[in-house]
Amino acid sequence: MDHLITSEALAHGLAAVSLRYFNVAGAYGRHGERHEPESHLIPLVFQAALGQRPHIAVFGEDYPTPDGTCVRDYIHIADLAEAHLLALEAARPGEHLICNLGNGTGFSVREVIESVRRVTGREIPVRVAGRRPGDPAVLVAAADRAREALGWTPKRPELDRIVADAWEFTLAHRA
């Protein structure tokens, strides 16, 4: 798709920007994550903290990472929104800009669970399961192009901040 978009932008003088999100989390005011079925780690850990699920599954603890669990890059939803606004300003006719959006810092599954414990003050039951096929050990954004081309840097990179904002939203919108 990127090649097609680039060709169309060049051929027709269109301005195009592709933003590649990593794990979007957190919340901003009344805007947060809430969908069924839930498949994202932070809301799933919240469900375990609230007793809505018996435990959180950790898929593999034998990865070549500091604590053996997968490492992922999380970006706060407000940082993502700011990147969108900057991308609109940076769009130029005949060009296709492609940027990764992430913090450039990874957090392991166990670090996410510990952050939820700190933020919520609740115990999180954990069960270790086998690895999921195809899960890479580490997946972290290289967001240099977003910094250079958009002037964008995440303002809310701290995991506890991301989790705290998402937790506040979760508590405010519980069924």
N, C-alpha and C. Protein backbone atom coordinates (compact mmCIF):
# COMPACT_ATOMS: atom_id res chain seq x y z
N MET A 1 0.81 -1.20 0.00
CA MET A 1 0.00 0.00 0.00
C MET A 1 0.85 1.26 0.00
N ASP A 2 1.96 1.21 0.75
CA ASP A 2 2.82 2.40 0.78
C ASP A 2 3.33 2.76 -0.60
N HIS A 3 3.72 1.75 -1.38
CA HIS A 3 4.20 2.03 -2.74
C HIS A 3 3.09 2.64 -3.61
N LEU A 4 1.88 2.11 -3.45
CA LEU A 4 0.75 2.63 -4.21
C LEU A 4 0.46 4.09 -3.83
N ILE A 5 0.43 4.36 -2.53
CA ILE A 5 0.15 5.73 -2.07
C ILE A 5 1.25 6.68 -2.54
N THR A 6 2.50 6.25 -2.46
CA THR A 6 3.61 7.07 -2.92
C THR A 6 3.47 7.37 -4.41
N SER A 7 3.15 6.37 -5.20
CA SER A 7 2.98 6.56 -6.64
C SER A 7 1.85 7.53 -6.95
N GLU A 8 0.73 7.38 -6.27
CA GLU A 8 -0.42 8.26 -6.49
C GLU A 8 -0.10 9.70 -6.08
N ALA A 9 0.60 9.86 -4.97
CA ALA A 9 0.97 11.20 -4.53
C ALA A 9 1.86 11.88 -5.56
N LEU A 10 2.84 11.14 -6.06
CA LEU A 10 3.75 11.69 -7.08
C LEU A 10 3.01 11.97 -8.39
N ALA A 11 2.20 11.03 -8.82
CA ALA A 11 1.53 11.15 -10.12
C ALA A 11 0.48 12.25 -10.15
N HIS A 12 -0.19 12.48 -9.01
CA HIS A 12 -1.32 13.39 -9.01
C HIS A 12 -1.15 14.61 -8.09
N GLY A 13 0.05 14.77 -7.55
CA GLY A 13 0.30 15.92 -6.68
C GLY A 13 -0.47 15.88 -5.38
N LEU A 14 -0.78 14.67 -4.93
CA LEU A 14 -1.51 14.53 -3.66
C LEU A 14 -0.56 14.59 -2.48
N ALA A 15 -1.05 15.09 -1.38
CA ALA A 15 -0.28 15.08 -0.13
C ALA A 15 -0.74 13.88 0.69
N ALA A 16 0.22 13.08 1.13
CA ALA A 16 -0.13 11.88 1.88
C ALA A 16 0.82 11.69 3.05
N VAL A 17 0.26 11.27 4.17
CA VAL A 17 1.06 10.91 5.34
C VAL A 17 0.49 9.61 5.89
N SER A 18 1.35 8.63 6.09
CA SER A 18 0.95 7.37 6.72
C SER A 18 1.57 7.32 8.11
N LEU A 19 0.73 7.15 9.11
CA LEU A 19 1.19 7.07 10.49
C LEU A 19 1.03 5.63 10.96
N ARG A 20 2.12 5.04 11.37
CA ARG A 20 2.12 3.65 11.83
C ARG A 20 2.14 3.65 13.35
N TYR A 21 0.99 3.31 13.93
CA TYR A 21 0.85 3.33 15.39
C TYR A 21 1.46 2.07 15.99
N PHE A 22 2.03 2.25 17.17
CA PHE A 22 2.39 1.10 17.96
C PHE A 22 1.25 0.90 18.95
N ASN A 23 1.45 0.47 20.15
CA ASN A 23 0.35 0.16 21.06
C ASN A 23 -0.21 1.43 21.69
N VAL A 24 -1.36 1.85 21.21
CA VAL A 24 -2.00 3.07 21.71
C VAL A 24 -2.74 2.74 23.00
N ALA A 25 -2.51 3.56 24.02
CA ALA A 25 -3.13 3.31 25.32
C ALA A 25 -3.34 4.64 26.02
N GLY A 26 -3.77 4.57 27.27
CA GLY A 26 -4.06 5.78 28.01
C GLY A 26 -5.46 6.26 27.71
N ALA A 27 -5.74 7.48 28.09
CA ALA A 27 -7.04 8.09 27.83
C ALA A 27 -6.86 9.60 27.92
N TYR A 28 -7.83 10.30 27.34
CA TYR A 28 -7.81 11.76 27.37
C TYR A 28 -9.24 12.21 27.58
N GLY A 29 -9.51 12.74 28.76
CA GLY A 29 -10.88 13.17 29.06
C GLY A 29 -11.85 12.02 28.94
N ARG A 30 -12.85 12.21 28.10
CA ARG A 30 -13.85 11.15 27.93
C ARG A 30 -13.50 10.17 26.82
N HIS A 31 -12.31 10.29 26.27
CA HIS A 31 -11.88 9.43 25.17
C HIS A 31 -10.88 8.39 25.68
N GLY A 32 -11.27 7.14 25.57
CA GLY A 32 -10.41 6.05 26.01
C GLY A 32 -10.78 4.77 25.30
N GLU A 33 -10.17 3.72 25.75
CA GLU A 33 -10.33 2.43 25.08
C GLU A 33 -11.42 1.60 25.76
N ARG A 34 -12.37 1.16 24.94
CA ARG A 34 -13.46 0.34 25.45
C ARG A 34 -14.11 -0.35 24.26
N HIS A 35 -13.83 -1.63 24.10
CA HIS A 35 -14.42 -2.37 22.98
C HIS A 35 -14.52 -3.85 23.33
N GLU A 36 -15.34 -4.53 22.61
CA GLU A 36 -15.54 -5.97 22.77
C GLU A 36 -15.32 -6.65 21.43
N PRO A 37 -14.63 -7.72 21.37
CA PRO A 37 -13.90 -8.31 22.48
C PRO A 37 -12.62 -7.53 22.74
N GLU A 38 -12.18 -7.53 23.97
CA GLU A 38 -10.95 -6.83 24.34
C GLU A 38 -9.75 -7.72 24.03
N SER A 39 -8.75 -7.14 23.40
CA SER A 39 -7.55 -7.92 23.09
C SER A 39 -6.26 -7.21 23.49
N HIS A 40 -6.36 -5.99 24.03
CA HIS A 40 -5.17 -5.21 24.37
C HIS A 40 -4.77 -5.43 25.83
N LEU A 41 -3.47 -5.48 26.06
CA LEU A 41 -2.95 -5.88 27.36
C LEU A 41 -3.43 -5.02 28.52
N ILE A 42 -3.29 -3.71 28.43
CA ILE A 42 -3.62 -2.87 29.59
C ILE A 42 -5.08 -3.03 30.01
N PRO A 43 -6.06 -2.94 29.10
CA PRO A 43 -7.45 -3.17 29.53
C PRO A 43 -7.69 -4.59 30.05
N LEU A 44 -6.99 -5.56 29.52
CA LEU A 44 -7.14 -6.93 30.02
C LEU A 44 -6.61 -7.05 31.45
N VAL A 45 -5.50 -6.39 31.74
CA VAL A 45 -4.97 -6.41 33.11
C VAL A 45 -5.94 -5.68 34.04
N PHE A 46 -6.55 -4.60 33.57
CA PHE A 46 -7.58 -3.91 34.37
C PHE A 46 -8.72 -4.86 34.70
N GLN A 47 -9.15 -5.65 33.72
CA GLN A 47 -10.23 -6.61 33.98
C GLN A 47 -9.85 -7.58 35.09
N ALA A 48 -8.61 -8.03 35.10
CA ALA A 48 -8.14 -8.92 36.18
C ALA A 48 -8.13 -8.17 37.50
N ALA A 49 -7.71 -6.91 37.49
CA ALA A 49 -7.68 -6.10 38.71
C ALA A 49 -9.08 -5.89 39.28
N LEU A 50 -10.07 -5.81 38.40
CA LEU A 50 -11.45 -5.57 38.82
C LEU A 50 -12.22 -6.85 39.11
N GLY A 51 -11.56 -8.00 38.94
CA GLY A 51 -12.23 -9.28 39.17
C GLY A 51 -13.16 -9.69 38.05
N GLN A 52 -13.05 -9.04 36.90
CA GLN A 52 -13.90 -9.37 35.75
C GLN A 52 -13.34 -10.55 34.96
N ARG A 53 -12.13 -10.93 35.23
CA ARG A 53 -11.52 -12.13 34.66
C ARG A 53 -10.69 -12.73 35.78
N PRO A 54 -10.54 -14.05 35.77
CA PRO A 54 -9.86 -14.71 36.90
C PRO A 54 -8.37 -14.40 36.98
N HIS A 55 -7.73 -14.07 35.86
CA HIS A 55 -6.30 -13.81 35.85
C HIS A 55 -5.92 -13.17 34.51
N ILE A 56 -4.70 -12.71 34.44
CA ILE A 56 -4.15 -12.25 33.18
C ILE A 56 -3.18 -13.32 32.69
N ALA A 57 -3.28 -13.65 31.44
CA ALA A 57 -2.38 -14.65 30.87
C ALA A 57 -1.12 -13.96 30.35
N VAL A 58 0.01 -14.51 30.71
CA VAL A 58 1.30 -14.06 30.19
C VAL A 58 1.75 -15.14 29.21
N PHE A 59 1.79 -14.77 27.93
CA PHE A 59 2.10 -15.75 26.88
C PHE A 59 3.60 -15.83 26.67
N GLY A 60 4.21 -16.71 27.42
CA GLY A 60 5.64 -16.96 27.32
C GLY A 60 6.44 -16.14 28.30
N GLU A 61 7.39 -16.82 28.94
CA GLU A 61 8.31 -16.14 29.87
C GLU A 61 9.75 -16.57 29.60
N ASP A 62 9.97 -17.01 28.35
CA ASP A 62 11.30 -17.48 27.98
C ASP A 62 11.87 -16.74 26.77
N TYR A 63 11.41 -15.51 26.57
CA TYR A 63 11.92 -14.69 25.47
C TYR A 63 13.29 -14.12 25.87
N PRO A 64 14.11 -13.77 24.90
CA PRO A 64 15.41 -13.17 25.22
C PRO A 64 15.27 -11.68 25.58
N THR A 65 14.57 -11.42 26.66
CA THR A 65 14.35 -10.07 27.17
C THR A 65 14.74 -10.08 28.65
N PRO A 66 14.89 -8.92 29.27
CA PRO A 66 15.35 -8.89 30.67
C PRO A 66 14.52 -9.74 31.64
N ASP A 67 13.19 -9.78 31.46
CA ASP A 67 12.39 -10.59 32.38
C ASP A 67 11.73 -11.79 31.70
N GLY A 68 12.08 -12.03 30.44
CA GLY A 68 11.57 -13.21 29.73
C GLY A 68 10.23 -13.03 29.05
N THR A 69 9.59 -11.85 29.23
CA THR A 69 8.29 -11.62 28.59
C THR A 69 8.46 -10.65 27.42
N CYS A 70 7.50 -10.65 26.53
CA CYS A 70 7.55 -9.79 25.34
C CYS A 70 7.64 -8.32 25.73
N VAL A 71 8.32 -7.55 24.91
CA VAL A 71 8.48 -6.11 25.12
C VAL A 71 7.77 -5.40 23.97
N ARG A 72 6.94 -4.41 24.32
CA ARG A 72 6.20 -3.64 23.33
C ARG A 72 6.30 -2.15 23.64
N ASP A 73 6.08 -1.35 22.63
CA ASP A 73 6.13 0.10 22.71
C ASP A 73 4.69 0.61 22.89
N TYR A 74 4.48 1.45 23.89
CA TYR A 74 3.16 2.02 24.16
C TYR A 74 3.21 3.52 23.93
N ILE A 75 2.18 4.05 23.27
CA ILE A 75 2.07 5.47 23.01
C ILE A 75 0.75 5.98 23.59
N HIS A 76 0.84 7.10 24.30
CA HIS A 76 -0.36 7.69 24.91
C HIS A 76 -1.26 8.25 23.81
N ILE A 77 -2.55 8.08 23.97
CA ILE A 77 -3.53 8.53 22.97
C ILE A 77 -3.41 10.03 22.70
N ALA A 78 -3.10 10.82 23.71
CA ALA A 78 -2.95 12.27 23.50
C ALA A 78 -1.72 12.58 22.65
N ASP A 79 -0.64 11.82 22.82
CA ASP A 79 0.53 12.00 21.97
C ASP A 79 0.20 11.61 20.53
N LEU A 80 -0.58 10.58 20.37
CA LEU A 80 -1.01 10.17 19.04
C LEU A 80 -1.83 11.27 18.36
N ALA A 81 -2.75 11.86 19.11
CA ALA A 81 -3.58 12.94 18.55
C ALA A 81 -2.72 14.12 18.12
N GLU A 82 -1.73 14.46 18.94
CA GLU A 82 -0.84 15.57 18.57
C GLU A 82 -0.06 15.25 17.30
N ALA A 83 0.36 14.00 17.15
CA ALA A 83 1.09 13.61 15.94
C ALA A 83 0.20 13.76 14.71
N HIS A 84 -1.08 13.45 14.84
CA HIS A 84 -2.01 13.61 13.73
C HIS A 84 -2.10 15.07 13.29
N LEU A 85 -2.20 15.96 14.25
CA LEU A 85 -2.29 17.39 13.91
C LEU A 85 -1.01 17.87 13.22
N LEU A 86 0.12 17.44 13.73
CA LEU A 86 1.40 17.81 13.10
C LEU A 86 1.52 17.21 11.70
N ALA A 87 0.98 16.00 11.51
CA ALA A 87 1.04 15.36 10.20
C ALA A 87 0.20 16.13 9.18
N LEU A 88 -0.94 16.64 9.59
CA LEU A 88 -1.75 17.46 8.69
C LEU A 88 -0.98 18.70 8.24
N GLU A 89 -0.27 19.31 9.16
CA GLU A 89 0.52 20.50 8.82
C GLU A 89 1.72 20.17 7.93
N ALA A 90 2.28 18.97 8.08
CA ALA A 90 3.49 18.58 7.35
C ALA A 90 3.20 18.02 5.96
N ALA A 91 1.95 17.70 5.67
CA ALA A 91 1.61 17.10 4.37
C ALA A 91 1.92 18.08 3.24
N ARG A 92 2.63 17.57 2.22
CA ARG A 92 3.03 18.40 1.07
C ARG A 92 2.59 17.73 -0.23
N PRO A 93 2.03 18.49 -1.16
CA PRO A 93 1.62 17.92 -2.44
C PRO A 93 2.79 17.18 -3.13
N GLY A 94 2.47 16.02 -3.67
CA GLY A 94 3.46 15.21 -4.38
C GLY A 94 4.36 14.39 -3.49
N GLU A 95 4.10 14.41 -2.19
CA GLU A 95 4.94 13.66 -1.24
C GLU A 95 4.10 12.70 -0.41
N HIS A 96 4.73 11.61 -0.04
CA HIS A 96 4.13 10.63 0.87
C HIS A 96 5.10 10.42 2.02
N LEU A 97 4.76 10.93 3.16
CA LEU A 97 5.57 10.81 4.36
C LEU A 97 5.09 9.61 5.17
N ILE A 98 6.00 8.77 5.61
CA ILE A 98 5.65 7.59 6.41
C ILE A 98 6.39 7.68 7.74
N CYS A 99 5.64 7.63 8.85
CA CYS A 99 6.24 7.76 10.18
C CYS A 99 5.71 6.70 11.13
N ASN A 100 6.61 6.14 11.92
CA ASN A 100 6.23 5.29 13.04
C ASN A 100 5.90 6.19 14.22
N LEU A 101 4.88 5.83 14.98
CA LEU A 101 4.52 6.59 16.17
C LEU A 101 4.58 5.68 17.39
N GLY A 102 5.56 5.91 18.20
CA GLY A 102 5.75 5.16 19.44
C GLY A 102 6.73 5.93 20.29
N ASN A 103 6.95 5.46 21.49
CA ASN A 103 7.87 6.12 22.40
C ASN A 103 9.32 5.80 22.11
N GLY A 104 9.56 4.70 21.41
CA GLY A 104 10.93 4.27 21.19
C GLY A 104 11.49 3.54 22.39
N THR A 105 10.64 3.33 23.38
CA THR A 105 11.01 2.61 24.60
C THR A 105 10.03 1.46 24.76
N GLY A 106 10.53 0.32 25.07
CA GLY A 106 9.64 -0.81 25.26
C GLY A 106 9.42 -1.13 26.72
N PHE A 107 8.26 -1.72 26.97
CA PHE A 107 7.92 -2.19 28.31
C PHE A 107 7.49 -3.65 28.19
N SER A 108 7.97 -4.47 29.09
CA SER A 108 7.62 -5.89 29.04
C SER A 108 6.22 -6.11 29.59
N VAL A 109 5.69 -7.28 29.31
CA VAL A 109 4.37 -7.65 29.83
C VAL A 109 4.39 -7.58 31.35
N ARG A 110 5.44 -8.08 31.96
CA ARG A 110 5.53 -8.02 33.43
C ARG A 110 5.62 -6.57 33.93
N GLU A 111 6.31 -5.69 33.21
CA GLU A 111 6.37 -4.29 33.61
C GLU A 111 5.00 -3.64 33.52
N VAL A 112 4.21 -3.99 32.51
CA VAL A 112 2.85 -3.46 32.40
C VAL A 112 2.01 -3.93 33.58
N ILE A 113 2.10 -5.21 33.91
CA ILE A 113 1.33 -5.75 35.05
C ILE A 113 1.74 -5.05 36.34
N GLU A 114 3.04 -4.85 36.54
CA GLU A 114 3.51 -4.16 37.75
C GLU A 114 3.04 -2.71 37.78
N SER A 115 3.01 -2.05 36.65
CA SER A 115 2.51 -0.68 36.59
C SER A 115 1.03 -0.64 36.99
N VAL A 116 0.24 -1.58 36.49
CA VAL A 116 -1.17 -1.63 36.87
C VAL A 116 -1.31 -1.87 38.38
N ARG A 117 -0.47 -2.74 38.94
CA ARG A 117 -0.50 -2.96 40.40
C ARG A 117 -0.21 -1.67 41.15
N ARG A 118 0.82 -0.94 40.72
CA ARG A 118 1.17 0.32 41.39
C ARG A 118 0.04 1.34 41.29
N VAL A 119 -0.49 1.51 40.08
CA VAL A 119 -1.50 2.53 39.84
C VAL A 119 -2.82 2.21 40.55
N THR A 120 -3.25 0.96 40.48
CA THR A 120 -4.55 0.58 41.03
C THR A 120 -4.49 0.19 42.50
N GLY A 121 -3.33 -0.22 42.97
CA GLY A 121 -3.22 -0.72 44.34
C GLY A 121 -3.86 -2.08 44.51
N ARG A 122 -4.10 -2.78 43.40
CA ARG A 122 -4.77 -4.07 43.45
C ARG A 122 -3.83 -5.19 43.03
N GLU A 123 -4.11 -6.37 43.55
CA GLU A 123 -3.35 -7.55 43.13
C GLU A 123 -3.84 -7.99 41.76
N ILE A 124 -2.94 -8.52 40.98
CA ILE A 124 -3.27 -8.98 39.63
C ILE A 124 -2.91 -10.46 39.56
N PRO A 125 -3.91 -11.35 39.53
CA PRO A 125 -3.59 -12.77 39.38
C PRO A 125 -3.00 -13.02 37.99
N VAL A 126 -1.89 -13.74 37.93
CA VAL A 126 -1.19 -14.00 36.68
C VAL A 126 -1.06 -15.51 36.47
N ARG A 127 -1.25 -15.93 35.24
CA ARG A 127 -0.99 -17.32 34.84
C ARG A 127 -0.10 -17.29 33.61
N VAL A 128 0.96 -18.06 33.66
CA VAL A 128 1.86 -18.14 32.52
C VAL A 128 1.34 -19.22 31.58
N ALA A 129 1.27 -18.87 30.31
CA ALA A 129 0.85 -19.80 29.25
C ALA A 129 1.98 -19.89 28.24
N GLY A 130 1.83 -20.77 27.29
CA GLY A 130 2.84 -20.91 26.24
C GLY A 130 2.87 -19.70 25.33
N ARG A 131 3.97 -19.58 24.64
CA ARG A 131 4.11 -18.50 23.66
C ARG A 131 3.03 -18.59 22.60
N ARG A 132 2.64 -17.45 22.07
CA ARG A 132 1.74 -17.42 20.92
C ARG A 132 2.59 -17.47 19.67
N PRO A 133 2.20 -18.27 18.69
CA PRO A 133 2.99 -18.35 17.46
C PRO A 133 3.13 -16.98 16.80
N GLY A 134 4.35 -16.65 16.39
CA GLY A 134 4.59 -15.42 15.65
C GLY A 134 4.87 -14.19 16.49
N ASP A 135 4.74 -14.28 17.82
CA ASP A 135 5.01 -13.11 18.66
C ASP A 135 6.51 -12.84 18.71
N PRO A 136 6.94 -11.66 18.24
CA PRO A 136 8.36 -11.33 18.36
C PRO A 136 8.70 -10.98 19.81
N ALA A 137 9.93 -11.19 20.20
CA ALA A 137 10.35 -10.89 21.58
C ALA A 137 10.24 -9.40 21.87
N VAL A 138 10.67 -8.56 20.93
CA VAL A 138 10.69 -7.12 21.13
C VAL A 138 10.13 -6.44 19.88
N LEU A 139 9.22 -5.49 20.10
CA LEU A 139 8.67 -4.70 19.00
C LEU A 139 8.55 -3.26 19.49
N VAL A 140 9.53 -2.45 19.09
CA VAL A 140 9.63 -1.07 19.57
C VAL A 140 9.77 -0.14 18.36
N ALA A 141 9.11 1.00 18.40
CA ALA A 141 9.11 1.94 17.28
C ALA A 141 10.45 2.65 17.12
N ALA A 142 10.82 2.83 15.88
CA ALA A 142 11.90 3.75 15.51
C ALA A 142 11.19 4.98 14.98
N ALA A 143 10.98 5.97 15.85
CA ALA A 143 10.16 7.13 15.50
C ALA A 143 11.00 8.34 15.12
N ASP A 144 12.22 8.11 14.67
CA ASP A 144 13.10 9.22 14.30
C ASP A 144 12.50 10.09 13.20
N ARG A 145 11.87 9.48 12.21
CA ARG A 145 11.30 10.26 11.11
C ARG A 145 10.18 11.17 11.62
N ALA A 146 9.37 10.70 12.55
CA ALA A 146 8.30 11.54 13.11
C ALA A 146 8.91 12.74 13.84
N ARG A 147 10.00 12.49 14.54
CA ARG A 147 10.67 13.59 15.24
C ARG A 147 11.24 14.61 14.25
N GLU A 148 11.89 14.10 13.21
CA GLU A 148 12.54 14.97 12.24
C GLU A 148 11.54 15.69 11.33
N ALA A 149 10.60 14.94 10.75
CA ALA A 149 9.70 15.51 9.74
C ALA A 149 8.51 16.25 10.35
N LEU A 150 8.05 15.81 11.51
CA LEU A 150 6.88 16.42 12.12
C LEU A 150 7.23 17.32 13.30
N GLY A 151 8.43 17.17 13.81
CA GLY A 151 8.78 17.89 15.04
C GLY A 151 8.07 17.30 16.24
N TRP A 152 7.75 16.03 16.15
CA TRP A 152 6.95 15.36 17.18
C TRP A 152 7.81 14.56 18.14
N THR A 153 7.55 14.73 19.40
CA THR A 153 8.11 13.85 20.42
C THR A 153 7.00 13.57 21.42
N PRO A 154 6.92 12.35 21.90
CA PRO A 154 5.87 12.04 22.87
C PRO A 154 6.09 12.82 24.17
N LYS A 155 5.03 13.41 24.68
CA LYS A 155 5.10 14.19 25.91
C LYS A 155 4.69 13.38 27.13
N ARG A 156 4.13 12.20 26.91
CA ARG A 156 3.63 11.36 27.99
C ARG A 156 4.20 9.94 27.85
N PRO A 157 5.53 9.77 27.89
CA PRO A 157 6.11 8.46 27.62
C PRO A 157 6.12 7.50 28.82
N GLU A 158 5.82 8.01 30.01
CA GLU A 158 5.93 7.18 31.21
C GLU A 158 4.79 6.16 31.26
N LEU A 159 5.15 4.91 31.49
CA LEU A 159 4.16 3.85 31.53
C LEU A 159 3.13 4.10 32.63
N ASP A 160 3.55 4.51 33.82
CA ASP A 160 2.58 4.74 34.89
C ASP A 160 1.59 5.85 34.52
N ARG A 161 2.01 6.85 33.79
CA ARG A 161 1.09 7.91 33.33
C ARG A 161 0.06 7.35 32.37
N ILE A 162 0.53 6.55 31.41
CA ILE A 162 -0.37 5.93 30.44
C ILE A 162 -1.39 5.07 31.17
N VAL A 163 -0.91 4.24 32.08
CA VAL A 163 -1.79 3.33 32.83
C VAL A 163 -2.74 4.12 33.72
N ALA A 164 -2.25 5.15 34.41
CA ALA A 164 -3.11 5.93 35.30
C ALA A 164 -4.24 6.61 34.55
N ASP A 165 -3.95 7.18 33.39
CA ASP A 165 -5.00 7.83 32.60
C ASP A 165 -6.02 6.80 32.11
N ALA A 166 -5.54 5.64 31.69
CA ALA A 166 -6.45 4.59 31.24
C ALA A 166 -7.29 4.06 32.39
N TRP A 167 -6.69 3.93 33.57
CA TRP A 167 -7.41 3.43 34.75
C TRP A 167 -8.52 4.41 35.15
N GLU A 168 -8.23 5.69 35.15
CA GLU A 168 -9.23 6.70 35.47
C GLU A 168 -10.42 6.60 34.50
N PHE A 169 -10.13 6.47 33.22
CA PHE A 169 -11.17 6.31 32.22
C PHE A 169 -11.98 5.03 32.47
N THR A 170 -11.29 3.95 32.76
CA THR A 170 -11.95 2.66 33.01
C THR A 170 -12.92 2.77 34.19
N LEU A 171 -12.47 3.36 35.28
CA LEU A 171 -13.33 3.50 36.46
C LEU A 171 -14.53 4.39 36.17
N ALA A 172 -14.34 5.42 35.37
CA ALA A 172 -15.42 6.36 35.06
C ALA A 172 -16.45 5.76 34.11
N HIS A 173 -16.06 4.72 33.36
CA HIS A 173 -16.95 4.16 32.34
C HIS A 173 -17.27 2.69 32.57
N ARG A 174 -17.18 2.25 33.80
CA ARG A 174 -17.52 0.85 34.12
C ARG A 174 -19.01 0.65 33.99
N ALA A 175 -19.35 -0.53 33.52
CA ALA A 175 -20.79 -0.85 33.38
C ALA A 175 -21.37 -1.32 34.68
